[in-house]
Amino acid sequence: ADAAELAKAMHGVADQIQVVLPLHPRGRQRLAAAGLFPHPGIRV
């Protein structure tokens, strides 16, 4: 639930400006499951 809320918030940021996310191995799977990555404004 926290990861999903985070993904929604980051999508709102990416709607305003390009986001680049150097992703620590920890949490990658959970953030992917939360739907963070598909937004075109988020570059992992």
PDB file of all heavy atoms in Angstrom:
ATOM      1  N   ALA A   1       0.835  -1.209   0.000  1.00  0.00           N
ATOM      2  CA  ALA A   1       0.000   0.000   0.000  1.00  0.00           C
ATOM      3  C   ALA A   1       0.867   1.256   0.000  1.00  0.00           C
ATOM      4  O   ALA A   1       0.578   2.225  -0.711  1.00  0.00           O
ATOM      5  CB  ALA A   1      -0.928  -0.003   1.214  1.00  0.00           C
ATOM      6  N   ASP A   2       1.947   1.238   0.793  1.00  0.00           N
ATOM      7  CA  ASP A   2       2.869   2.379   0.817  1.00  0.00           C
ATOM      8  C   ASP A   2       3.541   2.547  -0.541  1.00  0.00           C
ATOM      9  O   ASP A   2       3.688   3.664  -1.056  1.00  0.00           O
ATOM     10  CB  ASP A   2       3.938   2.193   1.893  1.00  0.00           C
ATOM     11  CG  ASP A   2       3.373   2.291   3.304  1.00  0.00           C
ATOM     12  OD1 ASP A   2       2.341   2.954   3.475  1.00  0.00           O
ATOM     13  OD2 ASP A   2       3.975   1.687   4.216  1.00  0.00           O
ATOM     14  N   ALA A   3       3.985   1.433  -1.128  1.00  0.00           N
ATOM     15  CA  ALA A   3       4.655   1.495  -2.426  1.00  0.00           C
ATOM     16  C   ALA A   3       3.709   2.019  -3.504  1.00  0.00           C
ATOM     17  O   ALA A   3       4.113   2.793  -4.385  1.00  0.00           O
ATOM     18  CB  ALA A   3       5.193   0.117  -2.804  1.00  0.00           C
ATOM     19  N   ALA A   4       2.440   1.615  -3.446  1.00  0.00           N
ATOM     20  CA  ALA A   4       1.463   2.095  -4.426  1.00  0.00           C
ATOM     21  C   ALA A   4       1.226   3.591  -4.260  1.00  0.00           C
ATOM     22  O   ALA A   4       1.120   4.332  -5.257  1.00  0.00           O
ATOM     23  CB  ALA A   4       0.151   1.329  -4.260  1.00  0.00           C
ATOM     24  N   GLU A   5       1.151   4.061  -3.022  1.00  0.00           N
ATOM     25  CA  GLU A   5       0.977   5.494  -2.776  1.00  0.00           C
ATOM     26  C   GLU A   5       2.203   6.272  -3.259  1.00  0.00           C
ATOM     27  O   GLU A   5       2.079   7.357  -3.841  1.00  0.00           O
ATOM     28  CB  GLU A   5       0.754   5.747  -1.286  1.00  0.00           C
ATOM     29  CG  GLU A   5       0.430   7.204  -0.967  1.00  0.00           C
ATOM     30  CD  GLU A   5       0.230   7.451   0.518  1.00  0.00           C
ATOM     31  OE1 GLU A   5       0.533   6.541   1.325  1.00  0.00           O
ATOM     32  OE2 GLU A   5      -0.211   8.560   0.874  1.00  0.00           O
ATOM     33  N   LEU A   6       3.386   5.695  -3.035  1.00  0.00           N
ATOM     34  CA  LEU A   6       4.617   6.330  -3.510  1.00  0.00           C
ATOM     35  C   LEU A   6       4.628   6.409  -5.032  1.00  0.00           C
ATOM     36  O   LEU A   6       4.985   7.448  -5.612  1.00  0.00           O
ATOM     37  CB  LEU A   6       5.829   5.542  -3.013  1.00  0.00           C
ATOM     38  CG  LEU A   6       7.192   6.014  -3.504  1.00  0.00           C
ATOM     39  CD1 LEU A   6       7.495   7.425  -3.013  1.00  0.00           C
ATOM     40  CD2 LEU A   6       8.293   5.048  -3.041  1.00  0.00           C
ATOM     41  N   ALA A   7       4.239   5.330  -5.706  1.00  0.00           N
ATOM     42  CA  ALA A   7       4.208   5.321  -7.168  1.00  0.00           C
ATOM     43  C   ALA A   7       3.258   6.398  -7.701  1.00  0.00           C
ATOM     44  O   ALA A   7       3.587   7.116  -8.654  1.00  0.00           O
ATOM     45  CB  ALA A   7       3.791   3.938  -7.677  1.00  0.00           C
ATOM     46  N   LYS A   8       2.104   6.520  -7.075  1.00  0.00           N
ATOM     47  CA  LYS A   8       1.138   7.538  -7.494  1.00  0.00           C
ATOM     48  C   LYS A   8       1.725   8.943  -7.331  1.00  0.00           C
ATOM     49  O   LYS A   8       1.589   9.806  -8.214  1.00  0.00           O
ATOM     50  CB  LYS A   8      -0.143   7.396  -6.681  1.00  0.00           C
ATOM     51  CG  LYS A   8      -1.232   8.391  -7.057  1.00  0.00           C
ATOM     52  CD  LYS A   8      -2.483   8.174  -6.206  1.00  0.00           C
ATOM     53  CE  LYS A   8      -3.563   9.200  -6.544  1.00  0.00           C
ATOM     54  NZ  LYS A   8      -4.773   9.005  -5.692  1.00  0.00           N
ATOM     55  N   ALA A   9       2.398   9.183  -6.196  1.00  0.00           N
ATOM     56  CA  ALA A   9       2.992  10.498  -5.951  1.00  0.00           C
ATOM     57  C   ALA A   9       4.101  10.794  -6.960  1.00  0.00           C
ATOM     58  O   ALA A   9       4.195  11.909  -7.492  1.00  0.00           O
ATOM     59  CB  ALA A   9       3.544  10.565  -4.532  1.00  0.00           C
ATOM     60  N   MET A  10       4.936   9.794  -7.250  1.00  0.00           N
ATOM     61  CA  MET A  10       6.031  10.006  -8.194  1.00  0.00           C
ATOM     62  C   MET A  10       5.508  10.214  -9.612  1.00  0.00           C
ATOM     63  O   MET A  10       6.100  10.957 -10.400  1.00  0.00           O
ATOM     64  CB  MET A  10       7.017   8.835  -8.141  1.00  0.00           C
ATOM     65  CG  MET A  10       7.811   8.724  -6.851  1.00  0.00           C
ATOM     66  SD  MET A  10       8.686  10.252  -6.414  1.00  0.00           S
ATOM     67  CE  MET A  10       9.767  10.434  -7.844  1.00  0.00           C
ATOM     68  N   HIS A  11       4.400   9.579  -9.955  1.00  0.00           N
ATOM     69  CA  HIS A  11       3.779   9.845 -11.261  1.00  0.00           C
ATOM     70  C   HIS A  11       3.321  11.299 -11.341  1.00  0.00           C
ATOM     71  O   HIS A  11       3.449  11.943 -12.395  1.00  0.00           O
ATOM     72  CB  HIS A  11       2.591   8.907 -11.487  1.00  0.00           C
ATOM     73  CG  HIS A  11       2.993   7.499 -11.780  1.00  0.00           C
ATOM     74  ND1 HIS A  11       2.088   6.486 -11.983  1.00  0.00           N
ATOM     75  CD2 HIS A  11       4.220   6.928 -11.908  1.00  0.00           C
ATOM     76  CE1 HIS A  11       2.722   5.352 -12.217  1.00  0.00           C
ATOM     77  NE2 HIS A  11       4.019   5.595 -12.172  1.00  0.00           N
ATOM     78  N   GLY A  12       2.807  11.815 -10.219  1.00  0.00           N
ATOM     79  CA  GLY A  12       2.406  13.219 -10.196  1.00  0.00           C
ATOM     80  C   GLY A  12       3.581  14.164 -10.360  1.00  0.00           C
ATOM     81  O   GLY A  12       3.459  15.227 -10.980  1.00  0.00           O
ATOM     82  N   VAL A  13       4.739  13.778  -9.814  1.00  0.00           N
ATOM     83  CA  VAL A  13       5.958  14.570 -10.026  1.00  0.00           C
ATOM     84  C   VAL A  13       6.380  14.494 -11.482  1.00  0.00           C
ATOM     85  O   VAL A  13       6.720  15.503 -12.117  1.00  0.00           O
ATOM     86  CB  VAL A  13       7.092  14.069  -9.107  1.00  0.00           C
ATOM     87  CG1 VAL A  13       8.398  14.789  -9.427  1.00  0.00           C
ATOM     88  CG2 VAL A  13       6.725  14.267  -7.638  1.00  0.00           C
ATOM     89  N   ALA A  14       6.341  13.281 -12.045  1.00  0.00           N
ATOM     90  CA  ALA A  14       6.773  13.081 -13.427  1.00  0.00           C
ATOM     91  C   ALA A  14       5.842  13.738 -14.437  1.00  0.00           C
ATOM     92  O   ALA A  14       6.232  13.973 -15.589  1.00  0.00           O
ATOM     93  CB  ALA A  14       6.906  11.589 -13.721  1.00  0.00           C
ATOM     94  N   ASP A  15       4.609  14.027 -14.035  1.00  0.00           N
ATOM     95  CA  ASP A  15       3.714  14.803 -14.896  1.00  0.00           C
ATOM     96  C   ASP A  15       4.213  16.237 -15.068  1.00  0.00           C
ATOM     97  O   ASP A  15       3.867  16.918 -16.042  1.00  0.00           O
ATOM     98  CB  ASP A  15       2.296  14.840 -14.302  1.00  0.00           C
ATOM     99  CG  ASP A  15       1.572  13.513 -14.419  1.00  0.00           C
ATOM    100  OD1 ASP A  15       1.956  12.693 -15.273  1.00  0.00           O
ATOM    101  OD2 ASP A  15       0.619  13.299 -13.628  1.00  0.00           O
ATOM    102  N   GLN A  16       5.024  16.710 -14.111  1.00  0.00           N
ATOM    103  CA  GLN A  16       5.512  18.088 -14.120  1.00  0.00           C
ATOM    104  C   GLN A  16       6.914  18.227 -14.695  1.00  0.00           C
ATOM    105  O   GLN A  16       7.235  19.240 -15.312  1.00  0.00           O
ATOM    106  CB  GLN A  16       5.535  18.633 -12.683  1.00  0.00           C
ATOM    107  CG  GLN A  16       4.206  18.574 -11.956  1.00  0.00           C
ATOM    108  CD  GLN A  16       4.353  19.006 -10.511  1.00  0.00           C
ATOM    109  OE1 GLN A  16       4.756  20.131 -10.227  1.00  0.00           O
ATOM    110  NE2 GLN A  16       4.035  18.112  -9.581  1.00  0.00           N
ATOM    111  N   ILE A  17       7.760  17.207 -14.481  1.00  0.00           N
ATOM    112  CA  ILE A  17       9.171  17.309 -14.849  1.00  0.00           C
ATOM    113  C   ILE A  17       9.753  15.907 -14.954  1.00  0.00           C
ATOM    114  O   ILE A  17       9.289  14.975 -14.281  1.00  0.00           O
ATOM    115  CB  ILE A  17       9.950  18.146 -13.795  1.00  0.00           C
ATOM    116  CG1 ILE A  17      11.374  18.443 -14.276  1.00  0.00           C
ATOM    117  CG2 ILE A  17       9.937  17.476 -12.422  1.00  0.00           C
ATOM    118  CD1 ILE A  17      12.112  19.458 -13.373  1.00  0.00           C
ATOM    119  N   GLN A  18      10.756  15.752 -15.800  1.00  0.00           N
ATOM    120  CA  GLN A  18      11.430  14.461 -15.941  1.00  0.00           C
ATOM    121  C   GLN A  18      12.031  14.035 -14.604  1.00  0.00           C
ATOM    122  O   GLN A  18      12.682  14.817 -13.918  1.00  0.00           O
ATOM    123  CB  GLN A  18      12.551  14.568 -16.980  1.00  0.00           C
ATOM    124  CG  GLN A  18      13.428  13.334 -17.109  1.00  0.00           C
ATOM    125  CD  GLN A  18      12.726  12.200 -17.830  1.00  0.00           C
ATOM    126  OE1 GLN A  18      12.185  12.383 -18.912  1.00  0.00           O
ATOM    127  NE2 GLN A  18      12.736  11.014 -17.229  1.00  0.00           N
ATOM    128  N   VAL A  19      11.815  12.773 -14.247  1.00  0.00           N
ATOM    129  CA  VAL A  19      12.389  12.190 -13.035  1.00  0.00           C
ATOM    130  C   VAL A  19      13.402  11.131 -13.445  1.00  0.00           C
ATOM    131  O   VAL A  19      13.099  10.269 -14.273  1.00  0.00           O
ATOM    132  CB  VAL A  19      11.309  11.553 -12.140  1.00  0.00           C
ATOM    133  CG1 VAL A  19      11.956  10.844 -10.940  1.00  0.00           C
ATOM    134  CG2 VAL A  19      10.318  12.608 -11.659  1.00  0.00           C
ATOM    135  N   VAL A  20      14.594  11.186 -12.857  1.00  0.00           N
ATOM    136  CA  VAL A  20      15.585  10.136 -13.065  1.00  0.00           C
ATOM    137  C   VAL A  20      15.814   9.446 -11.737  1.00  0.00           C
ATOM    138  O   VAL A  20      16.025  10.085 -10.708  1.00  0.00           O
ATOM    139  CB  VAL A  20      16.903  10.686 -13.666  1.00  0.00           C
ATOM    140  CG1 VAL A  20      17.513  11.770 -12.797  1.00  0.00           C
ATOM    141  CG2 VAL A  20      17.904   9.553 -13.886  1.00  0.00           C
ATOM    142  N   LEU A  21      15.730   8.122 -11.747  1.00  0.00           N
ATOM    143  CA  LEU A  21      15.748   7.332 -10.526  1.00  0.00           C
ATOM    144  C   LEU A  21      16.864   6.291 -10.587  1.00  0.00           C
ATOM    145  O   LEU A  21      16.682   5.219 -11.159  1.00  0.00           O
ATOM    146  CB  LEU A  21      14.387   6.651 -10.341  1.00  0.00           C
ATOM    147  CG  LEU A  21      14.193   5.683  -9.185  1.00  0.00           C
ATOM    148  CD1 LEU A  21      14.430   6.376  -7.855  1.00  0.00           C
ATOM    149  CD2 LEU A  21      12.791   5.077  -9.220  1.00  0.00           C
ATOM    150  N   PRO A  22      18.045   6.592 -10.029  1.00  0.00           N
ATOM    151  CA  PRO A  22      19.072   5.547  -9.885  1.00  0.00           C
ATOM    152  C   PRO A  22      18.599   4.597  -8.778  1.00  0.00           C
ATOM    153  O   PRO A  22      18.530   4.983  -7.620  1.00  0.00           O
ATOM    154  CB  PRO A  22      20.330   6.323  -9.468  1.00  0.00           C
ATOM    155  CG  PRO A  22      20.012   7.762  -9.714  1.00  0.00           C
ATOM    156  CD  PRO A  22      18.531   7.885  -9.534  1.00  0.00           C
ATOM    157  N   LEU A  23      18.260   3.392  -9.169  1.00  0.00           N
ATOM    158  CA  LEU A  23      17.503   2.535  -8.252  1.00  0.00           C
ATOM    159  C   LEU A  23      18.398   1.545  -7.534  1.00  0.00           C
ATOM    160  O   LEU A  23      19.044   0.692  -8.138  1.00  0.00           O
ATOM    161  CB  LEU A  23      16.402   1.795  -9.007  1.00  0.00           C
ATOM    162  CG  LEU A  23      15.365   1.105  -8.127  1.00  0.00           C
ATOM    163  CD1 LEU A  23      14.709   2.113  -7.185  1.00  0.00           C
ATOM    164  CD2 LEU A  23      14.306   0.439  -8.980  1.00  0.00           C
ATOM    165  N   HIS A  24      18.414   1.674  -6.221  1.00  0.00           N
ATOM    166  CA  HIS A  24      19.055   0.741  -5.303  1.00  0.00           C
ATOM    167  C   HIS A  24      18.411  -0.635  -5.520  1.00  0.00           C
ATOM    168  O   HIS A  24      17.199  -0.729  -5.737  1.00  0.00           O
ATOM    169  CB  HIS A  24      18.784   1.260  -3.881  1.00  0.00           C
ATOM    170  CG  HIS A  24      19.561   0.593  -2.806  1.00  0.00           C
ATOM    171  ND1 HIS A  24      19.367  -0.719  -2.450  1.00  0.00           N
ATOM    172  CD2 HIS A  24      20.514   1.076  -1.961  1.00  0.00           C
ATOM    173  CE1 HIS A  24      20.167  -1.026  -1.429  1.00  0.00           C
ATOM    174  NE2 HIS A  24      20.883   0.041  -1.126  1.00  0.00           N
ATOM    175  N   PRO A  25      19.205  -1.717  -5.453  1.00  0.00           N
ATOM    176  CA  PRO A  25      18.595  -3.045  -5.631  1.00  0.00           C
ATOM    177  C   PRO A  25      17.442  -3.309  -4.665  1.00  0.00           C
ATOM    178  O   PRO A  25      16.466  -3.975  -5.005  1.00  0.00           O
ATOM    179  CB  PRO A  25      19.761  -3.997  -5.349  1.00  0.00           C
ATOM    180  CG  PRO A  25      20.980  -3.223  -5.699  1.00  0.00           C
ATOM    181  CD  PRO A  25      20.674  -1.800  -5.326  1.00  0.00           C
ATOM    182  N   ARG A  26      17.565  -2.732  -3.443  1.00  0.00           N
ATOM    183  CA  ARG A  26      16.509  -2.934  -2.458  1.00  0.00           C
ATOM    184  C   ARG A  26      15.221  -2.233  -2.912  1.00  0.00           C
ATOM    185  O   ARG A  26      15.206  -1.070  -3.235  1.00  0.00           O
ATOM    186  CB  ARG A  26      16.935  -2.365  -1.117  1.00  0.00           C
ATOM    187  CG  ARG A  26      16.015  -2.784  -0.010  1.00  0.00           C
ATOM    188  CD  ARG A  26      16.259  -2.082   1.293  1.00  0.00           C
ATOM    189  NE  ARG A  26      15.547  -2.776   2.345  1.00  0.00           N
ATOM    190  CZ  ARG A  26      14.231  -2.799   2.454  1.00  0.00           C
ATOM    191  NH1 ARG A  26      13.478  -2.144   1.590  1.00  0.00           N
ATOM    192  NH2 ARG A  26      13.647  -3.481   3.429  1.00  0.00           N
ATOM    193  N   GLY A  27      14.151  -2.965  -2.976  1.00  0.00           N
ATOM    194  CA  GLY A  27      12.859  -2.367  -3.296  1.00  0.00           C
ATOM    195  C   GLY A  27      12.503  -2.354  -4.761  1.00  0.00           C
ATOM    196  O   GLY A  27      11.374  -1.997  -5.115  1.00  0.00           O
ATOM    197  N   ARG A  28      13.424  -2.754  -5.640  1.00  0.00           N
ATOM    198  CA  ARG A  28      13.136  -2.698  -7.079  1.00  0.00           C
ATOM    199  C   ARG A  28      11.891  -3.513  -7.433  1.00  0.00           C
ATOM    200  O   ARG A  28      11.014  -3.047  -8.165  1.00  0.00           O
ATOM    201  CB  ARG A  28      14.345  -3.202  -7.868  1.00  0.00           C
ATOM    202  CG  ARG A  28      14.135  -3.176  -9.381  1.00  0.00           C
ATOM    203  CD  ARG A  28      15.328  -3.776 -10.102  1.00  0.00           C
ATOM    204  NE  ARG A  28      16.475  -2.894 -10.038  1.00  0.00           N
ATOM    205  CZ  ARG A  28      16.799  -2.002 -10.975  1.00  0.00           C
ATOM    206  NH1 ARG A  28      16.019  -1.864 -12.036  1.00  0.00           N
ATOM    207  NH2 ARG A  28      17.872  -1.259 -10.854  1.00  0.00           N
ATOM    208  N   GLN A  29      11.826  -4.732  -6.889  1.00  0.00           N
ATOM    209  CA  GLN A  29      10.704  -5.604  -7.220  1.00  0.00           C
ATOM    210  C   GLN A  29       9.384  -5.012  -6.721  1.00  0.00           C
ATOM    211  O   GLN A  29       8.372  -5.017  -7.441  1.00  0.00           O
ATOM    212  CB  GLN A  29      10.931  -6.985  -6.578  1.00  0.00           C
ATOM    213  CG  GLN A  29      10.497  -8.127  -7.451  1.00  0.00           C
ATOM    214  CD  GLN A  29      10.938  -9.475  -6.884  1.00  0.00           C
ATOM    215  OE1 GLN A  29      11.530  -9.574  -5.825  1.00  0.00           O
ATOM    216  NE2 GLN A  29      10.631 -10.523  -7.611  1.00  0.00           N
ATOM    217  N   ARG A  30       9.402  -4.479  -5.504  1.00  0.00           N
ATOM    218  CA  ARG A  30       8.173  -3.939  -4.926  1.00  0.00           C
ATOM    219  C   ARG A  30       7.700  -2.697  -5.694  1.00  0.00           C
ATOM    220  O   ARG A  30       6.505  -2.503  -5.904  1.00  0.00           O
ATOM    221  CB  ARG A  30       8.392  -3.615  -3.452  1.00  0.00           C
ATOM    222  CG  ARG A  30       8.592  -4.848  -2.578  1.00  0.00           C
ATOM    223  CD  ARG A  30       8.724  -4.471  -1.120  1.00  0.00           C
ATOM    224  NE  ARG A  30       8.889  -5.653  -0.273  1.00  0.00           N
ATOM    225  CZ  ARG A  30      10.058  -6.121   0.117  1.00  0.00           C
ATOM    226  NH1 ARG A  30      11.161  -5.528  -0.264  1.00  0.00           N
ATOM    227  NH2 ARG A  30      10.123  -7.192   0.886  1.00  0.00           N
ATOM    228  N   LEU A  31       8.648  -1.842  -6.083  1.00  0.00           N
ATOM    229  CA  LEU A  31       8.276  -0.640  -6.825  1.00  0.00           C
ATOM    230  C   LEU A  31       7.760  -0.997  -8.216  1.00  0.00           C
ATOM    231  O   LEU A  31       6.862  -0.344  -8.743  1.00  0.00           O
ATOM    232  CB  LEU A  31       9.460   0.320  -6.911  1.00  0.00           C
ATOM    233  CG  LEU A  31       9.848   0.997  -5.590  1.00  0.00           C
ATOM    234  CD1 LEU A  31      11.117   1.818  -5.758  1.00  0.00           C
ATOM    235  CD2 LEU A  31       8.709   1.869  -5.077  1.00  0.00           C
ATOM    236  N   ALA A  32       8.346  -2.032  -8.802  1.00  0.00           N
ATOM    237  CA  ALA A  32       7.840  -2.492 -10.095  1.00  0.00           C
ATOM    238  C   ALA A  32       6.410  -3.007  -9.947  1.00  0.00           C
ATOM    239  O   ALA A  32       5.526  -2.698 -10.764  1.00  0.00           O
ATOM    240  CB  ALA A  32       8.749  -3.585 -10.653  1.00  0.00           C
ATOM    241  N   ALA A  33       6.172  -3.797  -8.897  1.00  0.00           N
ATOM    242  CA  ALA A  33       4.833  -4.335  -8.663  1.00  0.00           C
ATOM    243  C   ALA A  33       3.830  -3.227  -8.380  1.00  0.00           C
ATOM    244  O   ALA A  33       2.640  -3.359  -8.703  1.00  0.00           O
ATOM    245  CB  ALA A  33       4.867  -5.323  -7.496  1.00  0.00           C
ATOM    246  N   ALA A  34       4.325  -2.126  -7.793  1.00  0.00           N
ATOM    247  CA  ALA A  34       3.432  -0.997  -7.482  1.00  0.00           C
ATOM    248  C   ALA A  34       3.116  -0.145  -8.697  1.00  0.00           C
ATOM    249  O   ALA A  34       2.302   0.770  -8.624  1.00  0.00           O
ATOM    250  CB  ALA A  34       4.069  -0.132  -6.393  1.00  0.00           C
ATOM    251  N   GLY A  35       3.762  -0.441  -9.836  1.00  0.00           N
ATOM    252  CA  GLY A  35       3.469   0.280 -11.071  1.00  0.00           C
ATOM    253  C   GLY A  35       4.219   1.579 -11.240  1.00  0.00           C
ATOM    254  O   GLY A  35       3.788   2.462 -11.996  1.00  0.00           O
ATOM    255  N   LEU A  36       5.365   1.729 -10.569  1.00  0.00           N
ATOM    256  CA  LEU A  36       6.106   2.987 -10.645  1.00  0.00           C
ATOM    257  C   LEU A  36       6.704   3.222 -12.028  1.00  0.00           C
ATOM    258  O   LEU A  36       6.713   4.342 -12.527  1.00  0.00           O
ATOM    259  CB  LEU A  36       7.226   2.989  -9.595  1.00  0.00           C
ATOM    260  CG  LEU A  36       8.174   4.192  -9.626  1.00  0.00           C
ATOM    261  CD1 LEU A  36       7.442   5.474  -9.235  1.00  0.00           C
ATOM    262  CD2 LEU A  36       9.374   3.968  -8.705  1.00  0.00           C
ATOM    263  N   PHE A  37       7.200   2.185 -12.670  1.00  0.00           N
ATOM    264  CA  PHE A  37       8.087   2.359 -13.809  1.00  0.00           C
ATOM    265  C   PHE A  37       7.441   2.752 -15.146  1.00  0.00           C
ATOM    266  O   PHE A  37       8.083   3.431 -15.948  1.00  0.00           O
ATOM    267  CB  PHE A  37       8.918   1.085 -14.023  1.00  0.00           C
ATOM    268  CG  PHE A  37       9.721   0.680 -12.823  1.00  0.00           C
ATOM    269  CD1 PHE A  37      10.047  -0.650 -12.612  1.00  0.00           C
ATOM    270  CD2 PHE A  37      10.148   1.613 -11.890  1.00  0.00           C
ATOM    271  CE1 PHE A  37      10.783  -1.043 -11.504  1.00  0.00           C
ATOM    272  CE2 PHE A  37      10.888   1.237 -10.777  1.00  0.00           C
ATOM    273  CZ  PHE A  37      11.205  -0.098 -10.583  1.00  0.00           C
ATOM    274  N   PRO A  38       6.204   2.356 -15.461  1.00  0.00           N
ATOM    275  CA  PRO A  38       5.716   2.595 -16.827  1.00  0.00           C
ATOM    276  C   PRO A  38       5.547   4.060 -17.227  1.00  0.00           C
ATOM    277  O   PRO A  38       5.431   4.360 -18.411  1.00  0.00           O
ATOM    278  CB  PRO A  38       4.358   1.881 -16.833  1.00  0.00           C
ATOM    279  CG  PRO A  38       4.415   0.890 -15.727  1.00  0.00           C
ATOM    280  CD  PRO A  38       5.271   1.523 -14.683  1.00  0.00           C
ATOM    281  N   HIS A  39       5.536   4.995 -16.286  1.00  0.00           N
ATOM    282  CA  HIS A  39       5.308   6.395 -16.629  1.00  0.00           C
ATOM    283  C   HIS A  39       6.434   6.905 -17.544  1.00  0.00           C
ATOM    284  O   HIS A  39       7.609   6.718 -17.246  1.00  0.00           O
ATOM    285  CB  HIS A  39       5.262   7.240 -15.357  1.00  0.00           C
ATOM    286  CG  HIS A  39       4.706   8.614 -15.577  1.00  0.00           C
ATOM    287  ND1 HIS A  39       5.401   9.587 -16.273  1.00  0.00           N
ATOM    288  CD2 HIS A  39       3.524   9.188 -15.187  1.00  0.00           C
ATOM    289  CE1 HIS A  39       4.685  10.700 -16.294  1.00  0.00           C
ATOM    290  NE2 HIS A  39       3.543  10.483 -15.651  1.00  0.00           N
ATOM    291  N   PRO A  40       6.093   7.550 -18.658  1.00  0.00           N
ATOM    292  CA  PRO A  40       7.131   8.005 -19.601  1.00  0.00           C
ATOM    293  C   PRO A  40       8.047   9.080 -19.012  1.00  0.00           C
ATOM    294  O   PRO A  40       9.148   9.298 -19.532  1.00  0.00           O
ATOM    295  CB  PRO A  40       6.322   8.563 -20.776  1.00  0.00           C
ATOM    296  CG  PRO A  40       4.967   8.875 -20.216  1.00  0.00           C
ATOM    297  CD  PRO A  40       4.736   7.857 -19.136  1.00  0.00           C
ATOM    298  N   GLY A  41       7.612   9.740 -17.958  1.00  0.00           N
ATOM    299  CA  GLY A  41       8.432  10.778 -17.366  1.00  0.00           C
ATOM    300  C   GLY A  41       9.380  10.280 -16.290  1.00  0.00           C
ATOM    301  O   GLY A  41      10.099  11.081 -15.673  1.00  0.00           O
ATOM    302  N   ILE A  42       9.392   8.955 -16.042  1.00  0.00           N
ATOM    303  CA  ILE A  42      10.290   8.375 -15.041  1.00  0.00           C
ATOM    304  C   ILE A  42      11.338   7.530 -15.738  1.00  0.00           C
ATOM    305  O   ILE A  42      11.006   6.583 -16.457  1.00  0.00           O
ATOM    306  CB  ILE A  42       9.513   7.529 -14.012  1.00  0.00           C
ATOM    307  CG1 ILE A  42       8.591   8.428 -13.193  1.00  0.00           C
ATOM    308  CG2 ILE A  42      10.475   6.775 -13.095  1.00  0.00           C
ATOM    309  CD1 ILE A  42       7.756   7.684 -12.170  1.00  0.00           C
ATOM    310  N   ARG A  43      12.582   7.899 -15.550  1.00  0.00           N
ATOM    311  CA  ARG A  43      13.695   7.165 -16.159  1.00  0.00           C
ATOM    312  C   ARG A  43      14.452   6.426 -15.060  1.00  0.00           C
ATOM    313  O   ARG A  43      15.070   7.043 -14.187  1.00  0.00           O
ATOM    314  CB  ARG A  43      14.625   8.162 -16.865  1.00  0.00           C
ATOM    315  CG  ARG A  43      15.908   7.566 -17.400  1.00  0.00           C
ATOM    316  CD  ARG A  43      15.685   6.839 -18.717  1.00  0.00           C
ATOM    317  NE  ARG A  43      16.913   6.191 -19.146  1.00  0.00           N
ATOM    318  CZ  ARG A  43      17.928   6.809 -19.738  1.00  0.00           C
ATOM    319  NH1 ARG A  43      17.858   8.117 -19.979  1.00  0.00           N
ATOM    320  NH2 ARG A  43      18.998   6.142 -20.104  1.00  0.00           N
ATOM    321  N   VAL A  44      14.372   5.106 -15.059  1.00  0.00           N
ATOM    322  CA  VAL A  44      15.062   4.281 -14.065  1.00  0.00           C
ATOM    323  C   VAL A  44      16.417   3.886 -14.622  1.00  0.00           C
ATOM    324  O   VAL A  44      16.534   3.390 -15.744  1.00  0.00           O
ATOM    325  CB  VAL A  44      14.238   3.022 -13.728  1.00  0.00           C
ATOM    326  CG1 VAL A  44      14.987   2.141 -12.741  1.00  0.00           C
ATOM    327  CG2 VAL A  44      12.881   3.423 -13.156  1.00  0.00           C
TER     328      VAL A  44
END
